[in-house]
Amino acid sequence: MILASIIALNSCNSTKQMSKNSKIVKTTQSLEQTITYKAITRGSFLQIDIKKGSASIQKARDVNPVLVKLTDEQINSLQSMLSDIDLESLTTLEPPSKAFQYDGAAIASLTIEQQGNSYQTPSFDHGNPPEEIALLVKTLLSFDTN
C-alpha cells in the first residue's frame, strides 16, 4: 500500500514537472527558420538576422550588431508570413526593378534557412522587394528602429 502511494506521488510529480517543462517550451519557443536580409552598396551596409527569437541588426561592416529581443507577437507574425511563402520559389522571384545594377539602389537579398536547406532570392532593390516577400521585408526592416 505504501509502495503504491509512493509510485502514485512520483507519477503525479513527474506529470507536473513535464507540464511545467511543456509550458516553458511553449513560452520560449522561437522561429524554426533563420532569416537573413542584406542590403549593400559601396558606402552602406545593412544586415538583419532573425534567429531564435532575436533580431541581430548590423548597420556597418566594421561595427558589432545590435541584438533586439522579439516579442511573442512579432515571432508569431513572422511565422505566419513565412507559412504564406513558397520557399522553393524564392530562387526564381523576379525583382520589380533593377536599379541596383547601376548603383541606383542598394543590392538586397533575402535568405531563409529551414531544416538544413537554404533558400535565397535573386538580388533586388533595397526598398523595392518582389511582391511575394514585400510584407516580410517591410516587417524585418521595422525591427531596425534606430
Protein backbone atom coordinates (compact mmCIF):
# COMPACT_ATOMS: atom_id res chain seq x y z
CA MET A 1 0.00 0.00 0.00
CA ILE A 2 2.77 2.45 0.91
CA LEU A 3 4.69 1.49 -2.22
CA ALA A 4 1.64 2.16 -4.38
CA SER A 5 1.22 5.60 -2.77
CA ILE A 6 4.87 6.48 -3.38
CA ILE A 7 4.61 5.41 -7.04
CA ALA A 8 1.40 7.43 -7.46
CA LEU A 9 3.01 10.52 -5.89
CA ASN A 10 6.12 10.23 -8.05
CA SER A 11 3.98 9.75 -11.14
CA CYS A 12 1.96 12.85 -10.26
CA ASN A 13 5.12 14.89 -9.63
CA SER A 14 6.59 13.70 -12.94
CA THR A 15 3.43 14.78 -14.75
CA LYS A 16 3.54 18.18 -13.05
CA GLN A 17 7.21 18.56 -13.95
CA MET A 18 6.52 17.58 -17.55
CA SER A 19 3.65 20.06 -17.80
CA LYS A 20 5.87 22.76 -16.29
CA ASN A 21 8.56 21.93 -18.83
CA SER A 22 5.98 21.96 -21.63
CA LYS A 23 4.87 25.42 -20.57
CA ILE A 24 8.46 26.61 -20.58
CA VAL A 25 8.99 25.26 -24.08
CA LYS A 26 5.81 26.92 -25.33
CA THR A 27 6.63 30.34 -23.90
CA THR A 28 10.23 30.33 -25.10
CA GLN A 29 9.53 28.80 -28.49
CA SER A 30 11.18 30.67 -31.33
CA LEU A 31 11.18 30.58 -35.08
CA GLU A 32 12.17 27.32 -36.68
CA GLN A 33 13.75 29.27 -39.54
CA THR A 34 16.70 31.61 -39.76
CA ILE A 35 16.05 34.72 -41.82
CA THR A 36 18.77 36.99 -43.22
CA TYR A 37 18.12 40.26 -45.05
CA LYS A 38 21.08 42.11 -46.57
CA ALA A 39 21.24 45.47 -48.32
CA ILE A 40 24.68 46.53 -49.54
CA THR A 41 26.28 49.29 -51.61
CA ARG A 42 29.82 50.55 -51.74
CA GLY A 43 29.07 53.03 -48.97
CA SER A 44 26.36 51.36 -46.92
CA PHE A 45 25.64 48.06 -45.23
CA LEU A 46 22.60 46.62 -43.50
CA GLN A 47 22.17 43.04 -42.33
CA ILE A 48 19.25 41.79 -40.27
CA ASP A 49 19.43 38.23 -38.96
CA ILE A 50 16.47 36.64 -37.23
CA LYS A 51 17.38 33.63 -35.10
CA LYS A 52 15.80 32.02 -32.07
CA GLY A 53 13.51 34.90 -31.16
CA SER A 54 16.02 37.73 -31.66
CA ALA A 55 16.93 40.18 -34.37
CA SER A 56 20.59 40.96 -34.91
CA ILE A 57 20.94 44.28 -36.73
CA GLN A 58 24.27 45.36 -38.20
CA LYS A 59 24.40 48.77 -39.91
CA ALA A 60 28.04 48.90 -40.96
CA ARG A 61 30.65 46.35 -41.94
CA ASP A 62 33.01 47.33 -39.13
CA VAL A 63 30.59 47.53 -36.19
CA ASN A 64 29.10 44.89 -33.95
CA PRO A 65 25.44 44.06 -34.47
CA VAL A 66 22.77 45.23 -32.04
CA LEU A 67 20.62 42.44 -30.62
CA VAL A 68 16.87 43.05 -30.28
CA LYS A 69 14.64 40.54 -28.48
CA LEU A 70 11.45 39.91 -30.42
CA THR A 71 8.07 39.71 -28.70
CA ASP A 72 5.88 36.63 -28.97
CA GLU A 73 3.55 38.69 -31.18
CA GLN A 74 6.40 39.56 -33.56
CA ILE A 75 7.55 35.94 -33.70
CA ASN A 76 4.01 34.73 -34.41
CA SER A 77 3.61 37.36 -37.11
CA LEU A 78 6.88 36.30 -38.78
CA GLN A 79 5.87 32.64 -38.55
CA SER A 80 2.55 33.44 -40.22
CA MET A 81 4.26 35.36 -43.04
CA LEU A 82 6.75 32.56 -43.59
CA SER A 83 3.97 30.00 -43.85
CA ASP A 84 2.49 32.04 -46.73
CA ILE A 85 5.77 31.99 -48.70
CA ASP A 86 6.68 29.13 -51.03
CA LEU A 87 10.34 28.73 -50.10
CA GLU A 88 11.11 26.73 -53.25
CA SER A 89 10.01 29.68 -55.40
CA LEU A 90 12.29 32.21 -53.64
CA THR A 91 15.14 31.46 -56.03
CA THR A 92 13.02 32.38 -59.06
CA LEU A 93 11.40 35.61 -57.87
CA GLU A 94 11.60 38.46 -60.36
CA PRO A 95 12.61 41.83 -58.91
CA PRO A 96 10.19 44.64 -59.83
CA SER A 97 13.12 46.95 -60.63
CA LYS A 98 16.86 46.65 -61.16
CA ALA A 99 18.29 49.99 -60.09
CA PHE A 100 20.91 48.07 -58.09
CA GLN A 101 22.56 47.19 -61.41
CA TYR A 102 23.65 50.81 -61.95
CA ASP A 103 24.13 51.90 -58.31
CA GLY A 104 20.64 53.39 -58.22
CA ALA A 105 19.76 51.35 -55.12
CA ALA A 106 21.41 49.08 -52.61
CA ILE A 107 21.59 45.43 -53.63
CA ALA A 108 19.27 43.46 -51.38
CA SER A 109 18.64 39.78 -50.85
CA LEU A 110 16.64 37.59 -48.53
CA THR A 111 17.77 34.17 -47.33
CA ILE A 112 15.66 31.73 -45.35
CA GLU A 113 17.19 28.62 -43.82
CA GLN A 114 14.91 25.86 -42.70
CA GLN A 115 15.59 22.23 -41.79
CA GLY A 116 19.09 22.31 -43.24
CA ASN A 117 18.00 23.89 -46.54
CA SER A 118 18.82 27.42 -47.65
CA TYR A 119 16.59 29.45 -49.97
CA GLN A 120 17.86 32.78 -51.34
CA THR A 121 16.19 35.33 -53.56
CA PRO A 122 17.90 36.83 -56.59
CA SER A 123 19.20 40.35 -55.95
CA PHE A 124 16.61 43.12 -55.82
CA ASP A 125 16.49 46.83 -54.99
CA HIS A 126 16.54 47.67 -51.30
CA GLY A 127 13.18 49.32 -50.69
CA ASN A 128 11.50 47.56 -53.63
CA PRO A 129 11.36 43.80 -52.99
CA PRO A 130 9.32 41.34 -55.07
CA GLU A 131 5.65 41.42 -54.11
CA GLU A 132 5.72 37.87 -52.72
CA ILE A 133 8.13 38.87 -49.93
CA ALA A 134 7.30 42.58 -49.57
CA LEU A 135 5.42 42.27 -46.27
CA LEU A 136 8.14 40.10 -44.74
CA VAL A 137 10.88 42.52 -45.82
CA LYS A 138 8.90 45.50 -44.50
CA THR A 139 8.49 43.71 -41.17
CA LEU A 140 12.19 42.86 -40.97
CA LEU A 141 13.12 46.49 -41.68
CA SER A 142 10.72 47.64 -38.93
CA PHE A 143 12.97 45.94 -36.35
CA ASP A 144 15.67 48.49 -37.21
CA THR A 145 14.35 51.29 -35.01
CA ASN A 146 17.47 53.46 -34.87
